[in-house]
Each structure stands twice: as structure tokens, then as C-alpha cells.
N, C-alpha and C. Protein backbone atom coordinates (compact mmCIF):
# COMPACT_ATOMS: atom_id res chain seq x y z
N UNK A 1 5.54 5.68 5.46
CA UNK A 1 5.78 4.31 5.04
C UNK A 1 5.26 4.09 3.63
N UNK A 2 6.04 3.40 2.83
CA UNK A 2 5.70 3.13 1.44
C UNK A 2 4.58 2.09 1.35
N UNK A 3 3.70 2.27 0.39
CA UNK A 3 2.60 1.35 0.16
C UNK A 3 3.12 0.05 -0.45
N UNK A 4 2.73 -1.12 0.07
CA UNK A 4 3.14 -2.39 -0.54
C UNK A 4 2.69 -2.45 -2.00
N UNK A 5 3.61 -2.87 -2.85
CA UNK A 5 3.37 -2.87 -4.29
C UNK A 5 3.74 -4.20 -4.92
N UNK A 6 3.25 -4.40 -6.13
CA UNK A 6 3.63 -5.56 -6.95
C UNK A 6 4.15 -5.02 -8.26
N UNK A 7 4.87 -5.85 -9.00
CA UNK A 7 5.38 -5.41 -10.29
C UNK A 7 6.63 -6.16 -10.68
N UNK A 8 7.37 -5.55 -11.60
CA UNK A 8 8.56 -6.17 -12.15
C UNK A 8 9.79 -5.34 -11.83
N UNK A 9 10.95 -5.98 -11.97
CA UNK A 9 12.21 -5.26 -11.76
C UNK A 9 13.30 -5.88 -12.61
N UNK A 10 14.31 -5.07 -12.84
CA UNK A 10 15.56 -5.48 -13.51
C UNK A 10 16.71 -4.99 -12.65
N UNK A 11 17.81 -5.72 -12.63
CA UNK A 11 19.03 -5.28 -11.96
C UNK A 11 20.07 -5.04 -13.05
N UNK A 12 20.44 -3.78 -13.22
CA UNK A 12 21.40 -3.38 -14.26
C UNK A 12 22.59 -2.72 -13.58
N UNK A 13 23.74 -3.39 -13.64
CA UNK A 13 24.96 -2.83 -13.05
C UNK A 13 24.73 -2.36 -11.61
N UNK A 14 24.15 -3.21 -10.81
CA UNK A 14 23.89 -2.93 -9.38
C UNK A 14 22.84 -1.85 -9.15
N UNK A 15 22.11 -1.47 -10.18
CA UNK A 15 21.03 -0.49 -10.07
C UNK A 15 19.70 -1.16 -10.37
N UNK A 16 18.71 -0.82 -9.60
CA UNK A 16 17.39 -1.43 -9.74
C UNK A 16 16.50 -0.56 -10.62
N UNK A 17 15.90 -1.15 -11.63
CA UNK A 17 14.86 -0.51 -12.44
C UNK A 17 13.56 -1.20 -12.09
N UNK A 18 12.55 -0.42 -11.71
CA UNK A 18 11.31 -0.97 -11.18
C UNK A 18 10.10 -0.42 -11.92
N UNK A 19 9.13 -1.28 -12.16
CA UNK A 19 7.81 -0.88 -12.62
C UNK A 19 6.83 -1.48 -11.62
N UNK A 20 6.37 -0.65 -10.68
CA UNK A 20 5.54 -1.14 -9.58
C UNK A 20 4.20 -0.43 -9.55
N UNK A 21 3.25 -1.09 -8.91
CA UNK A 21 1.92 -0.53 -8.72
C UNK A 21 1.43 -0.92 -7.33
N UNK A 22 0.79 0.01 -6.60
CA UNK A 22 0.26 -0.35 -5.29
C UNK A 22 -0.67 -1.57 -5.38
N UNK A 23 -0.59 -2.43 -4.39
CA UNK A 23 -1.36 -3.66 -4.38
C UNK A 23 -2.84 -3.42 -4.66
N UNK A 24 -3.42 -2.38 -4.09
CA UNK A 24 -4.86 -2.10 -4.26
C UNK A 24 -5.23 -1.83 -5.72
N UNK A 25 -4.26 -1.42 -6.54
CA UNK A 25 -4.54 -1.10 -7.93
C UNK A 25 -4.09 -2.19 -8.90
N UNK A 26 -3.50 -3.25 -8.39
CA UNK A 26 -2.93 -4.31 -9.23
C UNK A 26 -4.02 -5.14 -9.92
N UNK A 27 -3.62 -5.83 -10.96
CA UNK A 27 -4.53 -6.69 -11.72
C UNK A 27 -4.60 -8.08 -11.13
N UNK A 28 -5.79 -8.65 -11.14
CA UNK A 28 -5.95 -10.04 -10.71
C UNK A 28 -5.48 -10.96 -11.83
N UNK A 29 -4.74 -11.98 -11.45
CA UNK A 29 -4.29 -13.01 -12.39
C UNK A 29 -4.44 -14.33 -11.66
N UNK A 30 -5.57 -15.00 -11.86
CA UNK A 30 -5.86 -16.20 -11.09
C UNK A 30 -6.00 -15.83 -9.62
N UNK A 31 -5.27 -16.52 -8.75
CA UNK A 31 -5.30 -16.27 -7.31
C UNK A 31 -4.24 -15.27 -6.87
N UNK A 32 -3.75 -14.46 -7.81
CA UNK A 32 -2.67 -13.53 -7.51
C UNK A 32 -3.00 -12.11 -7.96
N UNK A 33 -2.33 -11.16 -7.36
CA UNK A 33 -2.36 -9.77 -7.80
C UNK A 33 -0.99 -9.51 -8.41
N UNK A 34 -0.96 -8.88 -9.57
CA UNK A 34 0.30 -8.67 -10.27
C UNK A 34 0.24 -7.39 -11.09
N UNK A 35 1.38 -7.05 -11.67
CA UNK A 35 1.45 -5.86 -12.54
C UNK A 35 2.64 -5.99 -13.48
N UNK A 36 2.42 -5.65 -14.72
CA UNK A 36 3.49 -5.45 -15.68
C UNK A 36 4.05 -6.69 -16.34
N UNK A 37 4.74 -6.43 -17.43
CA UNK A 37 5.43 -7.46 -18.18
C UNK A 37 6.83 -6.97 -18.52
N UNK A 38 7.81 -7.84 -18.43
CA UNK A 38 9.19 -7.44 -18.68
C UNK A 38 9.41 -6.95 -20.11
N UNK A 39 8.94 -7.71 -21.09
CA UNK A 39 9.17 -7.32 -22.47
C UNK A 39 8.44 -6.01 -22.78
N UNK A 40 7.20 -5.90 -22.34
CA UNK A 40 6.42 -4.69 -22.61
C UNK A 40 7.08 -3.46 -21.98
N UNK A 41 7.59 -3.62 -20.77
CA UNK A 41 8.29 -2.52 -20.11
C UNK A 41 9.52 -2.12 -20.92
N UNK A 42 10.33 -3.11 -21.29
CA UNK A 42 11.55 -2.85 -22.06
C UNK A 42 11.22 -2.20 -23.40
N UNK A 43 10.21 -2.72 -24.08
CA UNK A 43 9.82 -2.23 -25.40
C UNK A 43 9.42 -0.75 -25.35
N UNK A 44 8.69 -0.34 -24.31
CA UNK A 44 8.18 1.03 -24.22
C UNK A 44 9.13 1.98 -23.48
N UNK A 45 10.20 1.44 -22.91
CA UNK A 45 11.11 2.22 -22.08
C UNK A 45 11.89 3.23 -22.92
N UNK A 46 11.92 4.47 -22.45
CA UNK A 46 12.70 5.53 -23.10
C UNK A 46 13.87 5.87 -22.20
N UNK A 47 15.09 5.49 -22.60
CA UNK A 47 16.25 5.73 -21.73
C UNK A 47 16.61 7.21 -21.65
N UNK A 48 17.01 7.62 -20.43
CA UNK A 48 17.42 9.00 -20.21
C UNK A 48 18.86 9.10 -19.70
N UNK A 49 19.34 8.06 -19.07
CA UNK A 49 20.68 8.07 -18.50
C UNK A 49 21.56 7.06 -19.23
N UNK A 50 22.86 7.12 -18.96
CA UNK A 50 23.78 6.16 -19.56
C UNK A 50 23.40 4.73 -19.16
N UNK A 51 23.06 4.52 -17.90
CA UNK A 51 22.66 3.20 -17.42
C UNK A 51 21.41 2.71 -18.15
N UNK A 52 20.44 3.58 -18.30
CA UNK A 52 19.21 3.22 -19.00
C UNK A 52 19.47 2.92 -20.48
N UNK A 53 20.40 3.65 -21.09
CA UNK A 53 20.77 3.38 -22.48
C UNK A 53 21.43 2.00 -22.59
N UNK A 54 22.25 1.68 -21.61
CA UNK A 54 22.90 0.36 -21.57
C UNK A 54 21.85 -0.74 -21.46
N UNK A 55 20.86 -0.53 -20.59
CA UNK A 55 19.76 -1.47 -20.41
C UNK A 55 19.02 -1.69 -21.74
N UNK A 56 18.70 -0.62 -22.40
CA UNK A 56 17.90 -0.69 -23.63
C UNK A 56 18.69 -1.24 -24.81
N UNK A 57 20.02 -1.17 -24.76
CA UNK A 57 20.86 -1.62 -25.86
C UNK A 57 20.96 -3.14 -25.96
N UNK A 58 20.54 -3.84 -24.90
CA UNK A 58 20.58 -5.31 -24.91
C UNK A 58 19.16 -5.86 -24.89
N UNK A 59 18.98 -7.13 -25.20
CA UNK A 59 17.64 -7.72 -25.13
C UNK A 59 17.06 -7.61 -23.71
N UNK A 60 15.75 -7.59 -23.62
CA UNK A 60 15.08 -7.40 -22.33
C UNK A 60 15.48 -8.46 -21.30
N UNK A 61 15.84 -9.64 -21.75
CA UNK A 61 16.15 -10.73 -20.82
C UNK A 61 17.65 -10.90 -20.57
N UNK A 62 18.45 -9.91 -20.94
CA UNK A 62 19.90 -10.01 -20.74
C UNK A 62 20.30 -9.78 -19.29
N UNK A 63 19.57 -8.94 -18.58
CA UNK A 63 19.92 -8.59 -17.20
C UNK A 63 19.08 -9.39 -16.21
N UNK A 64 19.59 -9.58 -14.99
CA UNK A 64 18.79 -10.26 -13.97
C UNK A 64 17.47 -9.50 -13.78
N UNK A 65 16.41 -10.26 -13.61
CA UNK A 65 15.09 -9.65 -13.49
C UNK A 65 14.21 -10.51 -12.60
N UNK A 66 13.04 -10.00 -12.32
CA UNK A 66 12.10 -10.76 -11.51
C UNK A 66 10.78 -10.03 -11.38
N UNK A 67 9.96 -10.59 -10.52
CA UNK A 67 8.59 -10.10 -10.36
C UNK A 67 8.15 -10.27 -8.91
N UNK A 68 7.43 -9.29 -8.40
CA UNK A 68 6.78 -9.38 -7.10
C UNK A 68 5.29 -9.59 -7.36
N UNK A 69 4.73 -10.65 -6.78
CA UNK A 69 3.29 -10.91 -6.87
C UNK A 69 2.73 -11.05 -5.47
N UNK A 70 1.43 -10.96 -5.37
CA UNK A 70 0.75 -11.17 -4.09
C UNK A 70 -0.20 -12.34 -4.24
N UNK A 71 -0.01 -13.38 -3.40
CA UNK A 71 -0.90 -14.54 -3.40
C UNK A 71 -2.08 -14.21 -2.50
N UNK A 72 -3.25 -14.07 -3.09
CA UNK A 72 -4.44 -13.61 -2.36
C UNK A 72 -4.83 -14.59 -1.26
N UNK A 73 -4.93 -15.87 -1.56
CA UNK A 73 -5.36 -16.85 -0.55
C UNK A 73 -4.35 -17.01 0.58
N UNK A 74 -3.08 -16.95 0.26
CA UNK A 74 -2.03 -17.11 1.28
C UNK A 74 -1.70 -15.80 1.99
N UNK A 75 -2.18 -14.69 1.42
CA UNK A 75 -1.90 -13.35 1.96
C UNK A 75 -0.40 -13.14 2.14
N UNK A 76 0.34 -13.41 1.04
CA UNK A 76 1.80 -13.37 1.09
C UNK A 76 2.35 -12.82 -0.23
N UNK A 77 3.39 -12.00 -0.12
CA UNK A 77 4.11 -11.52 -1.29
C UNK A 77 5.18 -12.53 -1.66
N UNK A 78 5.36 -12.74 -2.97
CA UNK A 78 6.40 -13.62 -3.48
C UNK A 78 7.29 -12.83 -4.44
N UNK A 79 8.55 -13.12 -4.39
CA UNK A 79 9.51 -12.52 -5.31
C UNK A 79 10.10 -13.63 -6.16
N UNK A 80 9.69 -13.68 -7.42
CA UNK A 80 10.28 -14.62 -8.38
C UNK A 80 11.44 -13.87 -9.03
N UNK A 81 12.63 -14.43 -8.92
CA UNK A 81 13.81 -13.70 -9.37
C UNK A 81 14.88 -14.62 -9.91
N UNK A 82 15.78 -14.03 -10.63
CA UNK A 82 16.97 -14.71 -11.13
C UNK A 82 17.79 -15.20 -9.95
N UNK A 83 18.30 -16.41 -10.04
CA UNK A 83 19.08 -17.01 -8.94
C UNK A 83 20.37 -16.27 -8.63
N UNK A 84 20.88 -15.48 -9.54
CA UNK A 84 22.14 -14.78 -9.29
C UNK A 84 21.97 -13.56 -8.38
N UNK A 85 20.73 -13.19 -8.07
CA UNK A 85 20.50 -12.06 -7.17
C UNK A 85 20.71 -12.51 -5.72
N UNK A 86 21.56 -11.78 -5.02
CA UNK A 86 21.93 -12.15 -3.65
C UNK A 86 20.83 -11.81 -2.66
N UNK A 87 20.98 -12.32 -1.45
CA UNK A 87 20.04 -12.02 -0.37
C UNK A 87 20.00 -10.52 -0.10
N UNK A 88 21.15 -9.86 -0.14
CA UNK A 88 21.18 -8.40 0.06
C UNK A 88 20.40 -7.68 -1.03
N UNK A 89 20.54 -8.12 -2.27
CA UNK A 89 19.79 -7.51 -3.37
C UNK A 89 18.30 -7.76 -3.18
N UNK A 90 17.92 -8.95 -2.76
CA UNK A 90 16.50 -9.25 -2.52
C UNK A 90 15.93 -8.37 -1.41
N UNK A 91 16.72 -8.08 -0.39
CA UNK A 91 16.27 -7.15 0.66
C UNK A 91 16.04 -5.75 0.09
N UNK A 92 16.94 -5.33 -0.77
CA UNK A 92 16.81 -4.03 -1.43
C UNK A 92 15.54 -3.99 -2.29
N UNK A 93 15.27 -5.07 -2.98
CA UNK A 93 14.06 -5.17 -3.81
C UNK A 93 12.81 -5.09 -2.93
N UNK A 94 12.80 -5.82 -1.83
CA UNK A 94 11.65 -5.79 -0.91
C UNK A 94 11.40 -4.36 -0.45
N UNK A 95 12.46 -3.67 -0.10
CA UNK A 95 12.32 -2.28 0.36
C UNK A 95 11.77 -1.39 -0.75
N UNK A 96 12.26 -1.58 -1.98
CA UNK A 96 11.79 -0.78 -3.12
C UNK A 96 10.30 -0.98 -3.38
N UNK A 97 9.78 -2.16 -3.04
CA UNK A 97 8.36 -2.46 -3.23
C UNK A 97 7.54 -2.23 -1.96
N UNK A 98 8.18 -1.69 -0.93
CA UNK A 98 7.46 -1.37 0.31
C UNK A 98 7.04 -2.59 1.10
N UNK A 99 7.82 -3.68 1.04
CA UNK A 99 7.44 -4.93 1.67
C UNK A 99 8.24 -5.17 2.94
N UNK A 100 7.55 -5.60 4.00
CA UNK A 100 8.23 -6.00 5.24
C UNK A 100 8.75 -7.43 5.10
N UNK A 101 7.96 -8.27 4.45
CA UNK A 101 8.35 -9.66 4.23
C UNK A 101 7.92 -10.10 2.83
N UNK A 102 8.65 -11.08 2.32
CA UNK A 102 8.29 -11.71 1.05
C UNK A 102 8.98 -13.06 1.02
N UNK A 103 8.44 -13.94 0.22
CA UNK A 103 9.03 -15.26 0.04
C UNK A 103 9.82 -15.24 -1.27
N UNK A 104 11.09 -15.60 -1.20
CA UNK A 104 11.91 -15.67 -2.41
C UNK A 104 11.61 -16.99 -3.12
N UNK A 105 11.36 -16.91 -4.41
CA UNK A 105 11.07 -18.09 -5.21
C UNK A 105 11.83 -17.98 -6.52
N UNK A 106 12.08 -19.11 -7.14
CA UNK A 106 12.84 -19.12 -8.38
C UNK A 106 12.05 -19.85 -9.45
N UNK A 107 12.22 -19.37 -10.65
CA UNK A 107 11.55 -19.93 -11.81
C UNK A 107 12.55 -19.86 -12.95
N UNK A 108 12.71 -20.91 -13.72
CA UNK A 108 13.71 -20.89 -14.78
C UNK A 108 13.43 -19.83 -15.83
N UNK A 109 12.21 -19.29 -15.83
CA UNK A 109 11.88 -18.20 -16.75
C UNK A 109 12.76 -16.98 -16.49
N UNK A 110 13.12 -16.77 -15.22
CA UNK A 110 13.91 -15.60 -14.84
C UNK A 110 15.39 -15.98 -14.80
N UNK A 111 16.02 -15.94 -15.96
CA UNK A 111 17.45 -16.21 -16.09
C UNK A 111 18.07 -15.15 -16.99
N UNK A 112 19.11 -14.51 -16.48
CA UNK A 112 19.80 -13.49 -17.26
C UNK A 112 20.76 -14.15 -18.25
N UNK A 113 21.43 -13.33 -19.03
CA UNK A 113 22.38 -13.84 -20.02
C UNK A 113 23.50 -14.65 -19.38
N UNK A 114 23.92 -14.28 -18.20
CA UNK A 114 24.99 -14.99 -17.51
C UNK A 114 24.53 -16.34 -17.01
N UNK A 115 23.31 -16.41 -16.49
CA UNK A 115 22.80 -17.64 -15.87
C UNK A 115 22.19 -18.63 -16.87
N UNK A 116 21.75 -18.14 -18.00
CA UNK A 116 21.08 -18.99 -18.98
C UNK A 116 22.08 -19.50 -20.01
N UNK A 117 22.43 -20.79 -19.97
CA UNK A 117 23.40 -21.32 -20.92
C UNK A 117 22.91 -21.29 -22.36
N UNK A 118 21.62 -21.10 -22.58
CA UNK A 118 21.07 -21.07 -23.94
C UNK A 118 20.82 -19.65 -24.45
N UNK A 119 21.24 -18.64 -23.67
CA UNK A 119 20.98 -17.25 -24.06
C UNK A 119 21.72 -16.90 -25.34
N UNK A 120 21.00 -16.29 -26.27
CA UNK A 120 21.59 -15.80 -27.52
C UNK A 120 21.33 -14.30 -27.62
N UNK A 121 22.38 -13.54 -27.86
CA UNK A 121 22.23 -12.09 -27.94
C UNK A 121 22.00 -11.67 -29.37
């Protein structure tokens, strides 16, 4: 069984790119455990495949993205994600992070180029 993790993800052409860390090793941020930053991940990312090159060729916020955090007091994982990600995709994300359950949440910060009417490339 996979260890429950926190971190960030991007969905690029139906493929998931993940930067995760086991919960026990995650950083405290207020009342939450978290890991990673989208821009920092994108900035340091070295593409190896055609899909990864496509990801890197656009701004970091062009593709649907999100974050898995752990709320310490509530003892619950939360997935903050772009609204265009379907329930099936969210299940796939939960599995990729080793989670049995998580609460889906939305934040206007997580908007891809398609969903954000103010997006400029």
C-alpha cells in the first residue's frame, strides 16, 4: 500500500504530473501539512518526454493543477483543484497520492488557461 502523501499536481493532456512527499516528511504550514510550489516545480522541471516538453513550453498556470494538503486538527486530506477536473480525475489523483479519502475543494487560485477568463499567455 502506498504511503499517504501531500504535494502538487498538474494535469497535462490527460496525464498527471506529481510532486509528492509522504505526510510524515511534509512541511508544516499553519494547521496544515503541505509540500511544494507549482511555479517552483515548473521552473526547475527538466522535460524528458514530448508531453513534458509540452508542459514546459507553456506558463506554469496554463494547465489544470492543484494541491493535496493535510489538515492536522481535522485529520483530513483536502484536494484544492481546478474546477475543470472531473470526479474520475480526482479519484485518480487520490490514488496517485495514496489516499483512501479526501475532500475536494476549490479555490480561484487554481484556474487553468481554459477556465480563467483573464489568463494571458
